[in-house]
Each structure stands twice: as C-alpha cells, then as structure tokens.
C-alpha cells in the first residue's frame, strides 16, 4: 500500500497532471498550515482509483487498472474515458 501511495504522489507532481490544476486537497487530507506540502500520505479517496485517474492524466500506463476492473468491473475504463474527455470523475472513499 505504501508503494501505491508513493506512486500516486509521484504521478500527482507529473507536469501533465499539474496542468490540470487539481488541488491536492481533492485527493489527500492535508493540515491547514501545510498547504504546499509534498507529504501526501493520508488519502481522501480510493488509491486504486486515484492511480488510474492520475496515470490517465499524465498519459502513462496505469499499474492498477486491471486490479480496479477486477474489483469493480468497468470502473477503471470509466475513469480513463472521463479523463480523456477532460472531466474529473467522482472517486470513491478509501476502502
């Protein structure tokens, strides 16, 4: 799980993802006084879904899409299609 958190944090800081101008507060719980932090360790959303979303936005292959589609059939495909259309789909809470 820690490796998945690290991958999500790295993808979040990818230049293509940064162009989306998504606040880290959409995906992680941050303390009030550390808004510019890179300490993205307390996820607000499901990490599998987040990895698929960020990978699609970065234009790199997702490492979790198959696992997510196994758990929730079609979910990863939906997230990738949404990002491809310029949308940001609502992600599930952590499981």
PDB file of N, CA and C in Angstrom:
ATOM      1  N   UNK A   1       0.830  -1.206   0.000  1.00  0.00           N
ATOM      2  CA  UNK A   1       0.000   0.000   0.000  1.00  0.00           C
ATOM      3  C   UNK A   1       0.865   1.257   0.000  1.00  0.00           C
ATOM      4  N   UNK A   2       1.990   1.207   0.696  1.00  0.00           N
ATOM      5  CA  UNK A   2       2.869   2.371   0.746  1.00  0.00           C
ATOM      6  C   UNK A   2       3.437   2.687  -0.646  1.00  0.00           C
ATOM      7  N   UNK A   3       3.745   1.627  -1.410  1.00  0.00           N
ATOM      8  CA  UNK A   3       4.249   1.840  -2.772  1.00  0.00           C
ATOM      9  C   UNK A   3       3.194   2.509  -3.644  1.00  0.00           C
ATOM     10  N   UNK A   4       1.933   2.146  -3.443  1.00  0.00           N
ATOM     11  CA  UNK A   4       0.843   2.758  -4.204  1.00  0.00           C
ATOM     12  C   UNK A   4       0.684   4.226  -3.814  1.00  0.00           C
ATOM     13  N   UNK A   5       0.808   4.533  -2.539  1.00  0.00           N
ATOM     14  CA  UNK A   5       0.755   5.933  -2.092  1.00  0.00           C
ATOM     15  C   UNK A   5       1.875   6.739  -2.733  1.00  0.00           C
ATOM     16  N   UNK A   6       3.071   6.159  -2.765  1.00  0.00           N
ATOM     17  CA  UNK A   6       4.223   6.844  -3.360  1.00  0.00           C
ATOM     18  C   UNK A   6       4.012   7.065  -4.851  1.00  0.00           C
ATOM     19  N   UNK A   7       3.488   6.062  -5.539  1.00  0.00           N
ATOM     20  CA  UNK A   7       3.238   6.205  -6.985  1.00  0.00           C
ATOM     21  C   UNK A   7       2.214   7.308  -7.245  1.00  0.00           C
ATOM     22  N   UNK A   8       1.159   7.354  -6.441  1.00  0.00           N
ATOM     23  CA  UNK A   8       0.142   8.392  -6.615  1.00  0.00           C
ATOM     24  C   UNK A   8       0.741   9.781  -6.392  1.00  0.00           C
ATOM     25  N   UNK A   9       1.573   9.921  -5.377  1.00  0.00           N
ATOM     26  CA  UNK A   9       2.209  11.214  -5.104  1.00  0.00           C
ATOM     27  C   UNK A   9       3.119  11.616  -6.268  1.00  0.00           C
ATOM     28  N   UNK A  10       3.887  10.671  -6.789  1.00  0.00           N
ATOM     29  CA  UNK A  10       4.764  10.970  -7.927  1.00  0.00           C
ATOM     30  C   UNK A  10       3.956  11.357  -9.159  1.00  0.00           C
ATOM     31  N   UNK A  11       2.881  10.625  -9.417  1.00  0.00           N
ATOM     32  CA  UNK A  11       2.033  10.962 -10.562  1.00  0.00           C
ATOM     33  C   UNK A  11       1.386  12.331 -10.383  1.00  0.00           C
ATOM     34  N   UNK A  12       1.005  12.661  -9.164  1.00  0.00           N
ATOM     35  CA  UNK A  12       0.367  13.957  -8.920  1.00  0.00           C
ATOM     36  C   UNK A  12       1.293  15.106  -9.331  1.00  0.00           C
ATOM     37  N   UNK A  13       2.594  14.952  -9.115  1.00  0.00           N
ATOM     38  CA  UNK A  13       3.539  16.023  -9.434  1.00  0.00           C
ATOM     39  C   UNK A  13       4.067  15.938 -10.869  1.00  0.00           C
ATOM     40  N   UNK A  14       3.534  15.026 -11.682  1.00  0.00           N
ATOM     41  CA  UNK A  14       3.883  14.954 -13.105  1.00  0.00           C
ATOM     42  C   UNK A  14       3.420  16.250 -13.767  1.00  0.00           C
ATOM     43  N   UNK A  15       4.204  16.752 -14.701  1.00  0.00           N
ATOM     44  CA  UNK A  15       3.891  18.058 -15.307  1.00  0.00           C
ATOM     45  C   UNK A  15       2.522  18.088 -15.992  1.00  0.00           C
ATOM     46  N   UNK A  16       2.113  16.993 -16.626  1.00  0.00           N
ATOM     47  CA  UNK A  16       0.806  16.978 -17.296  1.00  0.00           C
ATOM     48  C   UNK A  16      -0.336  16.997 -16.289  1.00  0.00           C
ATOM     49  N   UNK A  17      -0.146  16.346 -15.150  1.00  0.00           N
ATOM     50  CA  UNK A  17      -1.180  16.361 -14.107  1.00  0.00           C
ATOM     51  C   UNK A  17      -1.248  17.753 -13.479  1.00  0.00           C
ATOM     52  N   UNK A  18      -0.103  18.382 -13.283  1.00  0.00           N
ATOM     53  CA  UNK A  18      -0.080  19.721 -12.695  1.00  0.00           C
ATOM     54  C   UNK A  18      -0.810  20.735 -13.577  1.00  0.00           C
ATOM     55  N   UNK A  19      -0.801  20.516 -14.890  1.00  0.00           N
ATOM     56  CA  UNK A  19      -1.531  21.411 -15.802  1.00  0.00           C
ATOM     57  C   UNK A  19      -3.042  21.341 -15.600  1.00  0.00           C
ATOM     58  N   UNK A  20      -3.518  20.262 -14.987  1.00  0.00           N
ATOM     59  CA  UNK A  20      -4.955  20.143 -14.699  1.00  0.00           C
ATOM     60  C   UNK A  20      -5.376  21.070 -13.559  1.00  0.00           C
ATOM     61  N   UNK A  21      -4.399  21.538 -12.790  1.00  0.00           N
ATOM     62  CA  UNK A  21      -4.624  22.466 -11.677  1.00  0.00           C
ATOM     63  C   UNK A  21      -5.548  21.882 -10.607  1.00  0.00           C
ATOM     64  N   UNK A  22      -5.384  20.593 -10.321  1.00  0.00           N
ATOM     65  CA  UNK A  22      -6.151  19.955  -9.268  1.00  0.00           C
ATOM     66  C   UNK A  22      -5.453  20.179  -7.935  1.00  0.00           C
ATOM     67  N   UNK A  23      -6.175  20.653  -6.973  1.00  0.00           N
ATOM     68  CA  UNK A  23      -5.619  20.856  -5.633  1.00  0.00           C
ATOM     69  C   UNK A  23      -5.350  19.496  -4.993  1.00  0.00           C
ATOM     70  N   UNK A  24      -4.249  19.361  -4.254  1.00  0.00           N
ATOM     71  CA  UNK A  24      -4.008  18.093  -3.563  1.00  0.00           C
ATOM     72  C   UNK A  24      -5.092  17.785  -2.535  1.00  0.00           C
ATOM     73  N   UNK A  25      -5.793  18.810  -2.087  1.00  0.00           N
ATOM     74  CA  UNK A  25      -6.872  18.613  -1.108  1.00  0.00           C
ATOM     75  C   UNK A  25      -8.051  17.826  -1.683  1.00  0.00           C
ATOM     76  N   UNK A  26      -8.135  17.733  -3.005  1.00  0.00           N
ATOM     77  CA  UNK A  26      -9.172  16.899  -3.620  1.00  0.00           C
ATOM     78  C   UNK A  26      -8.943  15.427  -3.326  1.00  0.00           C
ATOM     79  N   UNK A  27      -7.677  15.046  -3.173  1.00  0.00           N
ATOM     80  CA  UNK A  27      -7.314  13.644  -3.087  1.00  0.00           C
ATOM     81  C   UNK A  27      -6.694  13.215  -1.759  1.00  0.00           C
ATOM     82  N   UNK A  28      -6.101  14.176  -1.031  1.00  0.00           N
ATOM     83  CA  UNK A  28      -5.436  13.863   0.241  1.00  0.00           C
ATOM     84  C   UNK A  28      -5.909  14.810   1.338  1.00  0.00           C
ATOM     85  N   UNK A  29      -5.893  14.323   2.559  1.00  0.00           N
ATOM     86  CA  UNK A  29      -6.194  15.160   3.716  1.00  0.00           C
ATOM     87  C   UNK A  29      -4.902  15.861   4.123  1.00  0.00           C
ATOM     88  N   UNK A  30      -4.927  17.183   4.126  1.00  0.00           N
ATOM     89  CA  UNK A  30      -3.755  17.977   4.471  1.00  0.00           C
ATOM     90  C   UNK A  30      -4.060  18.817   5.692  1.00  0.00           C
ATOM     91  N   UNK A  31      -3.034  19.120   6.454  1.00  0.00           N
ATOM     92  CA  UNK A  31      -3.187  20.018   7.590  1.00  0.00           C
ATOM     93  C   UNK A  31      -3.377  21.442   7.072  1.00  0.00           C
ATOM     94  N   UNK A  32      -4.039  22.280   7.837  1.00  0.00           N
ATOM     95  CA  UNK A  32      -4.327  23.653   7.430  1.00  0.00           C
ATOM     96  C   UNK A  32      -3.071  24.461   7.126  1.00  0.00           C
ATOM     97  N   UNK A  33      -2.019  24.273   7.923  1.00  0.00           N
ATOM     98  CA  UNK A  33      -0.843  25.132   7.800  1.00  0.00           C
ATOM     99  C   UNK A  33       0.227  24.609   6.844  1.00  0.00           C
ATOM    100  N   UNK A  34      -0.035  23.513   6.166  1.00  0.00           N
ATOM    101  CA  UNK A  34       0.978  22.965   5.266  1.00  0.00           C
ATOM    102  C   UNK A  34       0.407  22.730   3.869  1.00  0.00           C
ATOM    103  N   UNK A  35      -0.212  23.743   3.318  1.00  0.00           N
ATOM    104  CA  UNK A  35      -0.877  23.593   2.020  1.00  0.00           C
ATOM    105  C   UNK A  35       0.098  23.258   0.898  1.00  0.00           C
ATOM    106  N   UNK A  36       1.357  23.667   0.981  1.00  0.00           N
ATOM    107  CA  UNK A  36       2.315  23.406  -0.078  1.00  0.00           C
ATOM    108  C   UNK A  36       3.119  22.139   0.148  1.00  0.00           C
ATOM    109  N   UNK A  37       2.670  21.307   1.034  1.00  0.00           N
ATOM    110  CA  UNK A  37       3.443  20.124   1.397  1.00  0.00           C
ATOM    111  C   UNK A  37       3.485  19.086   0.290  1.00  0.00           C
ATOM    112  N   UNK A  38       4.526  18.275   0.307  1.00  0.00           N
ATOM    113  CA  UNK A  38       4.611  17.119  -0.580  1.00  0.00           C
ATOM    114  C   UNK A  38       4.340  15.852   0.215  1.00  0.00           C
ATOM    115  N   UNK A  39       3.897  15.993   1.444  1.00  0.00           N
ATOM    116  CA  UNK A  39       3.604  14.853   2.305  1.00  0.00           C
ATOM    117  C   UNK A  39       2.170  14.393   2.038  1.00  0.00           C
ATOM    118  N   UNK A  40       2.007  13.648   0.968  1.00  0.00           N
ATOM    119  CA  UNK A  40       0.679  13.198   0.553  1.00  0.00           C
ATOM    120  C   UNK A  40       0.496  11.758   1.001  1.00  0.00           C
ATOM    121  N   UNK A  41       0.193  11.565   2.273  1.00  0.00           N
ATOM    122  CA  UNK A  41       0.139  10.217   2.834  1.00  0.00           C
ATOM    123  C   UNK A  41      -1.221   9.840   3.408  1.00  0.00           C
ATOM    124  N   UNK A  42      -2.142  10.788   3.535  1.00  0.00           N
ATOM    125  CA  UNK A  42      -3.459  10.473   4.090  1.00  0.00           C
ATOM    126  C   UNK A  42      -4.514  10.626   2.995  1.00  0.00           C
ATOM    127  N   UNK A  43      -4.774   9.557   2.247  1.00  0.00           N
ATOM    128  CA  UNK A  43      -5.693   9.670   1.110  1.00  0.00           C
ATOM    129  C   UNK A  43      -7.130   9.929   1.529  1.00  0.00           C
ATOM    130  N   UNK A  44      -7.776  10.755   0.751  1.00  0.00           N
ATOM    131  CA  UNK A  44      -9.194  11.063   0.940  1.00  0.00           C
ATOM    132  C   UNK A  44     -10.053  10.192   0.023  1.00  0.00           C
ATOM    133  N   UNK A  45      -9.410   9.597  -0.993  1.00  0.00           N
ATOM    134  CA  UNK A  45     -10.103   8.786  -1.994  1.00  0.00           C
ATOM    135  C   UNK A  45      -9.422   7.425  -2.119  1.00  0.00           C
ATOM    136  N   UNK A  46     -10.079   6.509  -2.799  1.00  0.00           N
ATOM    137  CA  UNK A  46      -9.540   5.167  -3.038  1.00  0.00           C
ATOM    138  C   UNK A  46      -8.255   5.279  -3.863  1.00  0.00           C
ATOM    139  N   UNK A  47      -7.176   4.682  -3.379  1.00  0.00           N
ATOM    140  CA  UNK A  47      -5.882   4.814  -4.050  1.00  0.00           C
ATOM    141  C   UNK A  47      -5.835   4.132  -5.414  1.00  0.00           C
ATOM    142  N   UNK A  48      -6.536   3.027  -5.586  1.00  0.00           N
ATOM    143  CA  UNK A  48      -6.558   2.389  -6.911  1.00  0.00           C
ATOM    144  C   UNK A  48      -7.198   3.317  -7.936  1.00  0.00           C
ATOM    145  N   UNK A  49      -8.314   3.912  -7.577  1.00  0.00           N
ATOM    146  CA  UNK A  49      -8.988   4.842  -8.484  1.00  0.00           C
ATOM    147  C   UNK A  49      -8.123   6.071  -8.744  1.00  0.00           C
ATOM    148  N   UNK A  50      -7.473   6.566  -7.689  1.00  0.00           N
ATOM    149  CA  UNK A  50      -6.620   7.743  -7.838  1.00  0.00           C
ATOM    150  C   UNK A  50      -5.447   7.455  -8.768  1.00  0.00           C
ATOM    151  N   UNK A  51      -4.838   6.286  -8.636  1.00  0.00           N
ATOM    152  CA  UNK A  51      -3.709   5.939  -9.501  1.00  0.00           C
ATOM    153  C   UNK A  51      -4.161   5.878 -10.956  1.00  0.00           C
ATOM    154  N   UNK A  52      -5.325   5.315 -11.215  1.00  0.00           N
ATOM    155  CA  UNK A  52      -5.840   5.242 -12.591  1.00  0.00           C
ATOM    156  C   UNK A  52      -6.109   6.650 -13.128  1.00  0.00           C
ATOM    157  N   UNK A  53      -6.712   7.496 -12.327  1.00  0.00           N
ATOM    158  CA  UNK A  53      -7.010   8.871 -12.733  1.00  0.00           C
ATOM    159  C   UNK A  53      -5.732   9.642 -13.038  1.00  0.00           C
ATOM    160  N   UNK A  54      -4.767   9.597 -12.122  1.00  0.00           N
ATOM    161  CA  UNK A  54      -3.534  10.356 -12.308  1.00  0.00           C
ATOM    162  C   UNK A  54      -2.698   9.805 -13.460  1.00  0.00           C
ATOM    163  N   UNK A  55      -2.672   8.488 -13.626  1.00  0.00           N
ATOM    164  CA  UNK A  55      -1.936   7.897 -14.742  1.00  0.00           C
ATOM    165  C   UNK A  55      -2.556   8.325 -16.075  1.00  0.00           C
ATOM    166  N   UNK A  56      -3.873   8.340 -16.140  1.00  0.00           N
ATOM    167  CA  UNK A  56      -4.545   8.775 -17.372  1.00  0.00           C
ATOM    168  C   UNK A  56      -4.239  10.242 -17.663  1.00  0.00           C
ATOM    169  N   UNK A  57      -4.264  11.068 -16.639  1.00  0.00           N
ATOM    170  CA  UNK A  57      -3.982  12.493 -16.821  1.00  0.00           C
ATOM    171  C   UNK A  57      -2.524  12.723 -17.220  1.00  0.00           C
ATOM    172  N   UNK A  58      -1.622  11.882 -16.696  1.00  0.00           N
ATOM    173  CA  UNK A  58      -0.202  12.016 -17.019  1.00  0.00           C
ATOM    174  C   UNK A  58       0.136  11.400 -18.371  1.00  0.00           C
ATOM    175  N   UNK A  59      -0.759  10.578 -18.908  1.00  0.00           N
ATOM    176  CA  UNK A  59      -0.523   9.931 -20.187  1.00  0.00           C
ATOM    177  C   UNK A  59       0.434   8.750 -20.083  1.00  0.00           C
ATOM    178  N   UNK A  60       0.444   8.099 -18.910  1.00  0.00           N
ATOM    179  CA  UNK A  60       1.295   6.925 -18.704  1.00  0.00           C
ATOM    180  C   UNK A  60       0.406   5.725 -18.403  1.00  0.00           C
ATOM    181  N   UNK A  61       0.895   4.506 -18.636  1.00  0.00           N
ATOM    182  CA  UNK A  61       0.084   3.320 -18.338  1.00  0.00           C
ATOM    183  C   UNK A  61      -0.183   3.182 -16.837  1.00  0.00           C
ATOM    184  N   UNK A  62      -1.382   2.795 -16.517  1.00  0.00           N
ATOM    185  CA  UNK A  62      -1.760   2.559 -15.120  1.00  0.00           C
ATOM    186  C   UNK A  62      -1.283   1.184 -14.680  1.00  0.00           C
ATOM    187  N   UNK A  63      -0.807   1.107 -13.454  1.00  0.00           N
ATOM    188  CA  UNK A  63      -0.396  -0.171 -12.876  1.00  0.00           C
ATOM    189  C   UNK A  63      -1.544  -0.835 -12.121  1.00  0.00           C
ATOM    190  N   UNK A  64      -2.649  -0.122 -11.919  1.00  0.00           N
ATOM    191  CA  UNK A  64      -3.739  -0.623 -11.076  1.00  0.00           C
ATOM    192  C   UNK A  64      -5.054  -0.829 -11.811  1.00  0.00           C
ATOM    193  N   UNK A  65      -5.093  -0.525 -13.100  1.00  0.00           N
ATOM    194  CA  UNK A  65      -6.357  -0.592 -13.832  1.00  0.00           C
ATOM    195  C   UNK A  65      -6.966  -1.987 -13.815  1.00  0.00           C
ATOM    196  N   UNK A  66      -6.151  -3.009 -14.034  1.00  0.00           N
ATOM    197  CA  UNK A  66      -6.681  -4.379 -14.054  1.00  0.00           C
ATOM    198  C   UNK A  66      -7.233  -4.775 -12.691  1.00  0.00           C
ATOM    199  N   UNK A  67      -6.508  -4.433 -11.639  1.00  0.00           N
ATOM    200  CA  UNK A  67      -6.970  -4.749 -10.284  1.00  0.00           C
ATOM    201  C   UNK A  67      -8.271  -4.026  -9.965  1.00  0.00           C
ATOM    202  N   UNK A  68      -8.377  -2.761 -10.366  1.00  0.00           N
ATOM    203  CA  UNK A  68      -9.603  -1.998 -10.132  1.00  0.00           C
ATOM    204  C   UNK A  68     -10.765  -2.573 -10.934  1.00  0.00           C
ATOM    205  N   UNK A  69     -10.523  -2.929 -12.191  1.00  0.00           N
ATOM    206  CA  UNK A  69     -11.587  -3.520 -13.010  1.00  0.00           C
ATOM    207  C   UNK A  69     -12.021  -4.877 -12.476  1.00  0.00           C
ATOM    208  N   UNK A  70     -11.117  -5.600 -11.828  1.00  0.00           N
ATOM    209  CA  UNK A  70     -11.485  -6.871 -11.202  1.00  0.00           C
ATOM    210  C   UNK A  70     -12.392  -6.632 -10.003  1.00  0.00           C
ATOM    211  N   UNK A  71     -12.039  -5.635  -9.214  1.00  0.00           N
ATOM    212  CA  UNK A  71     -12.823  -5.316  -8.022  1.00  0.00           C
ATOM    213  C   UNK A  71     -14.165  -4.684  -8.378  1.00  0.00           C
ATOM    214  N   UNK A  72     -14.138  -3.739  -9.320  1.00  0.00           N
ATOM    215  CA  UNK A  72     -15.348  -3.033  -9.771  1.00  0.00           C
ATOM    216  C   UNK A  72     -15.347  -3.029 -11.289  1.00  0.00           C
ATOM    217  N   UNK A  73     -16.000  -4.000 -11.918  1.00  0.00           N
ATOM    218  CA  UNK A  73     -15.938  -4.125 -13.383  1.00  0.00           C
ATOM    219  C   UNK A  73     -16.278  -2.829 -14.118  1.00  0.00           C
ATOM    220  N   UNK A  74     -15.366  -2.413 -14.988  1.00  0.00           N
ATOM    221  CA  UNK A  74     -15.576  -1.227 -15.812  1.00  0.00           C
ATOM    222  C   UNK A  74     -15.195   0.086 -15.170  1.00  0.00           C
ATOM    223  N   UNK A  75     -14.850   0.083 -13.892  1.00  0.00           N
ATOM    224  CA  UNK A  75     -14.566   1.341 -13.184  1.00  0.00           C
ATOM    225  C   UNK A  75     -13.317   2.036 -13.734  1.00  0.00           C
ATOM    226  N   UNK A  76     -12.236   1.295 -13.930  1.00  0.00           N
ATOM    227  CA  UNK A  76     -11.007   1.900 -14.453  1.00  0.00           C
ATOM    228  C   UNK A  76     -11.233   2.448 -15.860  1.00  0.00           C
ATOM    229  N   UNK A  77     -11.973   1.706 -16.670  1.00  0.00           N
ATOM    230  CA  UNK A  77     -12.259   2.154 -18.030  1.00  0.00           C
ATOM    231  C   UNK A  77     -13.063   3.455 -18.010  1.00  0.00           C
ATOM    232  N   UNK A  78     -14.032   3.540 -17.101  1.00  0.00           N
ATOM    233  CA  UNK A  78     -14.839   4.751 -16.958  1.00  0.00           C
ATOM    234  C   UNK A  78     -13.967   5.941 -16.563  1.00  0.00           C
ATOM    235  N   UNK A  79     -13.075   5.730 -15.597  1.00  0.00           N
ATOM    236  CA  UNK A  79     -12.210   6.818 -15.133  1.00  0.00           C
ATOM    237  C   UNK A  79     -11.315   7.295 -16.267  1.00  0.00           C
ATOM    238  N   UNK A  80     -10.719   6.371 -17.010  1.00  0.00           N
ATOM    239  CA  UNK A  80      -9.842   6.757 -18.131  1.00  0.00           C
ATOM    240  C   UNK A  80     -10.609   7.510 -19.213  1.00  0.00           C
ATOM    241  N   UNK A  81     -11.830   7.037 -19.545  1.00  0.00           N
ATOM    242  CA  UNK A  81     -12.642   7.739 -20.550  1.00  0.00           C
ATOM    243  C   UNK A  81     -12.982   9.147 -20.082  1.00  0.00           C
ATOM    244  N   UNK A  82     -13.330   9.284 -18.827  1.00  0.00           N
ATOM    245  CA  UNK A  82     -13.692  10.599 -18.281  1.00  0.00           C
ATOM    246  C   UNK A  82     -12.520  11.575 -18.366  1.00  0.00           C
ATOM    247  N   UNK A  83     -11.343  11.112 -17.972  1.00  0.00           N
ATOM    248  CA  UNK A  83     -10.158  11.980 -18.042  1.00  0.00           C
ATOM    249  C   UNK A  83      -9.861  12.333 -19.496  1.00  0.00           C
ATOM    250  N   UNK A  84     -10.044  11.392 -20.397  1.00  0.00           N
ATOM    251  CA  UNK A  84      -9.828  11.654 -21.811  1.00  0.00           C
ATOM    252  C   UNK A  84     -10.747  12.730 -22.363  1.00  0.00           C
ATOM    253  N   UNK A  85     -11.925  12.878 -21.770  1.00  0.00           N
ATOM    254  CA  UNK A  85     -12.879  13.909 -22.185  1.00  0.00           C
ATOM    255  C   UNK A  85     -12.656  15.224 -21.454  1.00  0.00           C
ATOM    256  N   UNK A  86     -11.651  15.267 -20.576  1.00  0.00           N
ATOM    257  CA  UNK A  86     -11.382  16.492 -19.820  1.00  0.00           C
ATOM    258  C   UNK A  86     -12.193  16.611 -18.550  1.00  0.00           C
ATOM    259  N   UNK A  87     -12.794  15.522 -18.115  1.00  0.00           N
ATOM    260  CA  UNK A  87     -13.594  15.537 -16.887  1.00  0.00           C
ATOM    261  C   UNK A  87     -12.784  14.965 -15.729  1.00  0.00           C
ATOM    262  N   UNK A  88     -13.217  15.243 -14.506  1.00  0.00           N
ATOM    263  CA  UNK A  88     -12.626  14.634 -13.319  1.00  0.00           C
ATOM    264  C   UNK A  88     -13.734  13.882 -12.613  1.00  0.00           C
ATOM    265  N   UNK A  89     -13.771  12.551 -12.767  1.00  0.00           N
ATOM    266  CA  UNK A  89     -14.873  11.786 -12.160  1.00  0.00           C
ATOM    267  C   UNK A  89     -14.788  11.780 -10.647  1.00  0.00           C
ATOM    268  N   UNK A  90     -15.918  11.613 -10.029  1.00  0.00           N
ATOM    269  CA  UNK A  90     -16.003  11.496  -8.572  1.00  0.00           C
ATOM    270  C   UNK A  90     -15.383  10.161  -8.181  1.00  0.00           C
ATOM    271  N   UNK A  91     -14.433  10.174  -7.267  1.00  0.00           N
ATOM    272  CA  UNK A  91     -13.758   8.955  -6.815  1.00  0.00           C
ATOM    273  C   UNK A  91     -14.369   8.487  -5.502  1.00  0.00           C
ATOM    274  N   UNK A  92     -14.263   7.196  -5.269  1.00  0.00           N
ATOM    275  CA  UNK A  92     -14.809   6.590  -4.047  1.00  0.00           C
ATOM    276  C   UNK A  92     -13.932   6.915  -2.839  1.00  0.00           C
ATOM    277  N   UNK A  93     -14.517   6.785  -1.666  1.00  0.00           N
ATOM    278  CA  UNK A  93     -13.768   6.916  -0.419  1.00  0.00           C
ATOM    279  C   UNK A  93     -12.833   5.716  -0.293  1.00  0.00           C
ATOM    280  N   UNK A  94     -11.787   5.832   0.531  1.00  0.00           N
ATOM    281  CA  UNK A  94     -10.876   4.683   0.714  1.00  0.00           C
ATOM    282  C   UNK A  94     -11.620   3.457   1.238  1.00  0.00           C
ATOM    283  N   UNK A  95     -11.198   2.295   0.756  1.00  0.00           N
ATOM    284  CA  UNK A  95     -11.814   1.040   1.213  1.00  0.00           C
ATOM    285  C   UNK A  95     -10.939   0.377   2.250  1.00  0.00           C
TER     286      UNK A  95
END
